[in-house]
Amino acid sequence: MLNELQIHGRDIARTVRTRWPVPAREAALFFDLFLLKRSHG
């Protein structure tokens, strides 16, 4: 769910022209859980 909030939250923020800061801890978690697992099947 976190990855969905980050991706779509950023989309919404871009639409309304505001910032969508992502704390480093959340970015690292997203990277680990979503990107690395997808690249390894």
PDB file of N, CA and C in Angstrom:
ATOM      1  N   MET A   1       0.826  -1.190   0.000  1.00  0.00           N
ATOM      2  CA  MET A   1       0.000   0.000   0.000  1.00  0.00           C
ATOM      3  C   MET A   1       0.873   1.258   0.000  1.00  0.00           C
ATOM      4  N   LEU A   2       1.996   1.199   0.683  1.00  0.00           N
ATOM      5  CA  LEU A   2       2.870   2.372   0.742  1.00  0.00           C
ATOM      6  C   LEU A   2       3.311   2.797  -0.648  1.00  0.00           C
ATOM      7  N   ASN A   3       3.661   1.837  -1.483  1.00  0.00           N
ATOM      8  CA  ASN A   3       4.113   2.203  -2.823  1.00  0.00           C
ATOM      9  C   ASN A   3       3.010   2.881  -3.617  1.00  0.00           C
ATOM     10  N   GLU A   4       1.766   2.448  -3.451  1.00  0.00           N
ATOM     11  CA  GLU A   4       0.643   3.080  -4.143  1.00  0.00           C
ATOM     12  C   GLU A   4       0.459   4.519  -3.682  1.00  0.00           C
ATOM     13  N   LEU A   5       0.579   4.750  -2.386  1.00  0.00           N
ATOM     14  CA  LEU A   5       0.451   6.113  -1.862  1.00  0.00           C
ATOM     15  C   LEU A   5       1.557   7.008  -2.392  1.00  0.00           C
ATOM     16  N   GLN A   6       2.763   6.472  -2.466  1.00  0.00           N
ATOM     17  CA  GLN A   6       3.881   7.279  -2.955  1.00  0.00           C
ATOM     18  C   GLN A   6       3.714   7.606  -4.439  1.00  0.00           C
ATOM     19  N   ILE A   7       3.371   6.634  -5.224  1.00  0.00           N
ATOM     20  CA  ILE A   7       3.246   6.852  -6.665  1.00  0.00           C
ATOM     21  C   ILE A   7       2.079   7.781  -6.982  1.00  0.00           C
ATOM     22  N   HIS A   8       0.907   7.453  -6.463  1.00  0.00           N
ATOM     23  CA  HIS A   8      -0.275   8.239  -6.806  1.00  0.00           C
ATOM     24  C   HIS A   8      -0.322   9.561  -6.052  1.00  0.00           C
ATOM     25  N   GLY A   9       0.245   9.609  -4.876  1.00  0.00           N
ATOM     26  CA  GLY A   9       0.356  10.879  -4.161  1.00  0.00           C
ATOM     27  C   GLY A   9       1.198  11.861  -4.948  1.00  0.00           C
ATOM     28  N   ARG A  10       2.259  11.377  -5.521  1.00  0.00           N
ATOM     29  CA  ARG A  10       3.113  12.237  -6.353  1.00  0.00           C
ATOM     30  C   ARG A  10       2.361  12.695  -7.595  1.00  0.00           C
ATOM     31  N   ASP A  11       1.587  11.806  -8.207  1.00  0.00           N
ATOM     32  CA  ASP A  11       0.781  12.188  -9.371  1.00  0.00           C
ATOM     33  C   ASP A  11      -0.185  13.320  -9.024  1.00  0.00           C
ATOM     34  N   ILE A  12      -0.858  13.181  -7.903  1.00  0.00           N
ATOM     35  CA  ILE A  12      -1.810  14.207  -7.472  1.00  0.00           C
ATOM     36  C   ILE A  12      -1.087  15.511  -7.175  1.00  0.00           C
ATOM     37  N   ALA A  13       0.029  15.425  -6.481  1.00  0.00           N
ATOM     38  CA  ALA A  13       0.797  16.629  -6.152  1.00  0.00           C
ATOM     39  C   ALA A  13       1.245  17.350  -7.421  1.00  0.00           C
ATOM     40  N   ARG A  14       1.671  16.617  -8.407  1.00  0.00           N
ATOM     41  CA  ARG A  14       2.083  17.246  -9.670  1.00  0.00           C
ATOM     42  C   ARG A  14       0.906  17.943 -10.335  1.00  0.00           C
ATOM     43  N   THR A  15      -0.258  17.320 -10.273  1.00  0.00           N
ATOM     44  CA  THR A  15      -1.449  17.910 -10.885  1.00  0.00           C
ATOM     45  C   THR A  15      -1.813  19.240 -10.238  1.00  0.00           C
ATOM     46  N   VAL A  16      -1.722  19.305  -8.917  1.00  0.00           N
ATOM     47  CA  VAL A  16      -2.071  20.547  -8.209  1.00  0.00           C
ATOM     48  C   VAL A  16      -0.851  21.438  -7.985  1.00  0.00           C
ATOM     49  N   ARG A  17       0.270  21.049  -8.575  1.00  0.00           N
ATOM     50  CA  ARG A  17       1.515  21.825  -8.543  1.00  0.00           C
ATOM     51  C   ARG A  17       1.994  22.125  -7.124  1.00  0.00           C
ATOM     52  N   THR A  18       2.136  21.053  -6.380  1.00  0.00           N
ATOM     53  CA  THR A  18       2.687  21.165  -5.035  1.00  0.00           C
ATOM     54  C   THR A  18       3.769  20.111  -4.852  1.00  0.00           C
ATOM     55  N   ARG A  19       4.507  20.229  -3.795  1.00  0.00           N
ATOM     56  CA  ARG A  19       5.588  19.279  -3.520  1.00  0.00           C
ATOM     57  C   ARG A  19       5.013  18.003  -2.910  1.00  0.00           C
ATOM     58  N   TRP A  20       5.716  16.899  -3.119  1.00  0.00           N
ATOM     59  CA  TRP A  20       5.365  15.616  -2.497  1.00  0.00           C
ATOM     60  C   TRP A  20       6.667  15.014  -1.973  1.00  0.00           C
ATOM     61  N   PRO A  21       7.147  15.543  -0.839  1.00  0.00           N
ATOM     62  CA  PRO A  21       8.413  15.032  -0.309  1.00  0.00           C
ATOM     63  C   PRO A  21       8.267  13.588   0.174  1.00  0.00           C
ATOM     64  N   VAL A  22       9.279  12.806  -0.084  1.00  0.00           N
ATOM     65  CA  VAL A  22       9.301  11.414   0.361  1.00  0.00           C
ATOM     66  C   VAL A  22      10.468  11.266   1.332  1.00  0.00           C
ATOM     67  N   PRO A  23      10.163  10.968   2.596  1.00  0.00           N
ATOM     68  CA  PRO A  23      11.245  10.766   3.561  1.00  0.00           C
ATOM     69  C   PRO A  23      12.158   9.617   3.117  1.00  0.00           C
ATOM     70  N   ALA A  24      13.423   9.747   3.405  1.00  0.00           N
ATOM     71  CA  ALA A  24      14.410   8.748   2.981  1.00  0.00           C
ATOM     72  C   ALA A  24      14.040   7.341   3.444  1.00  0.00           C
ATOM     73  N   ARG A  25      13.521   7.220   4.635  1.00  0.00           N
ATOM     74  CA  ARG A  25      13.153   5.893   5.158  1.00  0.00           C
ATOM     75  C   ARG A  25      12.055   5.249   4.301  1.00  0.00           C
ATOM     76  N   GLU A  26      11.056   6.030   3.911  1.00  0.00           N
ATOM     77  CA  GLU A  26       9.979   5.496   3.073  1.00  0.00           C
ATOM     78  C   GLU A  26      10.481   5.173   1.671  1.00  0.00           C
ATOM     79  N   ALA A  27      11.353   6.003   1.144  1.00  0.00           N
ATOM     80  CA  ALA A  27      11.912   5.742  -0.182  1.00  0.00           C
ATOM     81  C   ALA A  27      12.721   4.446  -0.172  1.00  0.00           C
ATOM     82  N   ALA A  28      13.491   4.234   0.869  1.00  0.00           N
ATOM     83  CA  ALA A  28      14.295   3.012   0.978  1.00  0.00           C
ATOM     84  C   ALA A  28      13.403   1.784   1.089  1.00  0.00           C
ATOM     85  N   LEU A  29      12.330   1.892   1.854  1.00  0.00           N
ATOM     86  CA  LEU A  29      11.402   0.770   2.008  1.00  0.00           C
ATOM     87  C   LEU A  29      10.738   0.448   0.672  1.00  0.00           C
ATOM     88  N   PHE A  30      10.299   1.472  -0.038  1.00  0.00           N
ATOM     89  CA  PHE A  30       9.694   1.281  -1.355  1.00  0.00           C
ATOM     90  C   PHE A  30      10.683   0.595  -2.294  1.00  0.00           C
ATOM     91  N   PHE A  31      11.904   1.085  -2.304  1.00  0.00           N
ATOM     92  CA  PHE A  31      12.930   0.513  -3.170  1.00  0.00           C
ATOM     93  C   PHE A  31      13.144  -0.960  -2.849  1.00  0.00           C
ATOM     94  N   ASP A  32      13.258  -1.275  -1.579  1.00  0.00           N
ATOM     95  CA  ASP A  32      13.515  -2.653  -1.158  1.00  0.00           C
ATOM     96  C   ASP A  32      12.335  -3.569  -1.460  1.00  0.00           C
ATOM     97  N   LEU A  33      11.144  -3.168  -1.080  1.00  0.00           N
ATOM     98  CA  LEU A  33       9.983  -4.047  -1.198  1.00  0.00           C
ATOM     99  C   LEU A  33       9.429  -4.142  -2.611  1.00  0.00           C
ATOM    100  N   PHE A  34       9.490  -3.083  -3.347  1.00  0.00           N
ATOM    101  CA  PHE A  34       8.845  -3.061  -4.652  1.00  0.00           C
ATOM    102  C   PHE A  34       9.829  -3.257  -5.802  1.00  0.00           C
ATOM    103  N   LEU A  35      10.805  -2.419  -5.889  1.00  0.00           N
ATOM    104  CA  LEU A  35      11.705  -2.471  -7.044  1.00  0.00           C
ATOM    105  C   LEU A  35      12.607  -3.699  -7.040  1.00  0.00           C
ATOM    106  N   LEU A  36      13.230  -4.006  -5.926  1.00  0.00           N
ATOM    107  CA  LEU A  36      14.142  -5.156  -5.897  1.00  0.00           C
ATOM    108  C   LEU A  36      13.401  -6.473  -6.072  1.00  0.00           C
ATOM    109  N   LYS A  37      12.256  -6.610  -5.464  1.00  0.00           N
ATOM    110  CA  LYS A  37      11.500  -7.860  -5.584  1.00  0.00           C
ATOM    111  C   LYS A  37      10.992  -8.060  -7.012  1.00  0.00           C
ATOM    112  N   ARG A  38      10.607  -6.989  -7.678  1.00  0.00           N
ATOM    113  CA  ARG A  38      10.144  -7.098  -9.067  1.00  0.00           C
ATOM    114  C   ARG A  38      11.288  -7.491  -9.996  1.00  0.00           C
ATOM    115  N   SER A  39      12.476  -6.996  -9.717  1.00  0.00           N
ATOM    116  CA  SER A  39      13.594  -7.295 -10.607  1.00  0.00           C
ATOM    117  C   SER A  39      14.108  -8.727 -10.434  1.00  0.00           C
ATOM    118  N   HIS A  40      13.764  -9.355  -9.313  1.00  0.00           N
ATOM    119  CA  HIS A  40      14.210 -10.733  -9.059  1.00  0.00           C
ATOM    120  C   HIS A  40      13.089 -11.750  -9.219  1.00  0.00           C
ATOM    121  N   GLY A  41      11.975 -11.333  -9.799  1.00  0.00           N
ATOM    122  CA  GLY A  41      10.875 -12.247 -10.074  1.00  0.00           C
ATOM    123  C   GLY A  41      10.008 -12.417  -8.917  1.00  0.00           C
TER     124      GLY A  41
END
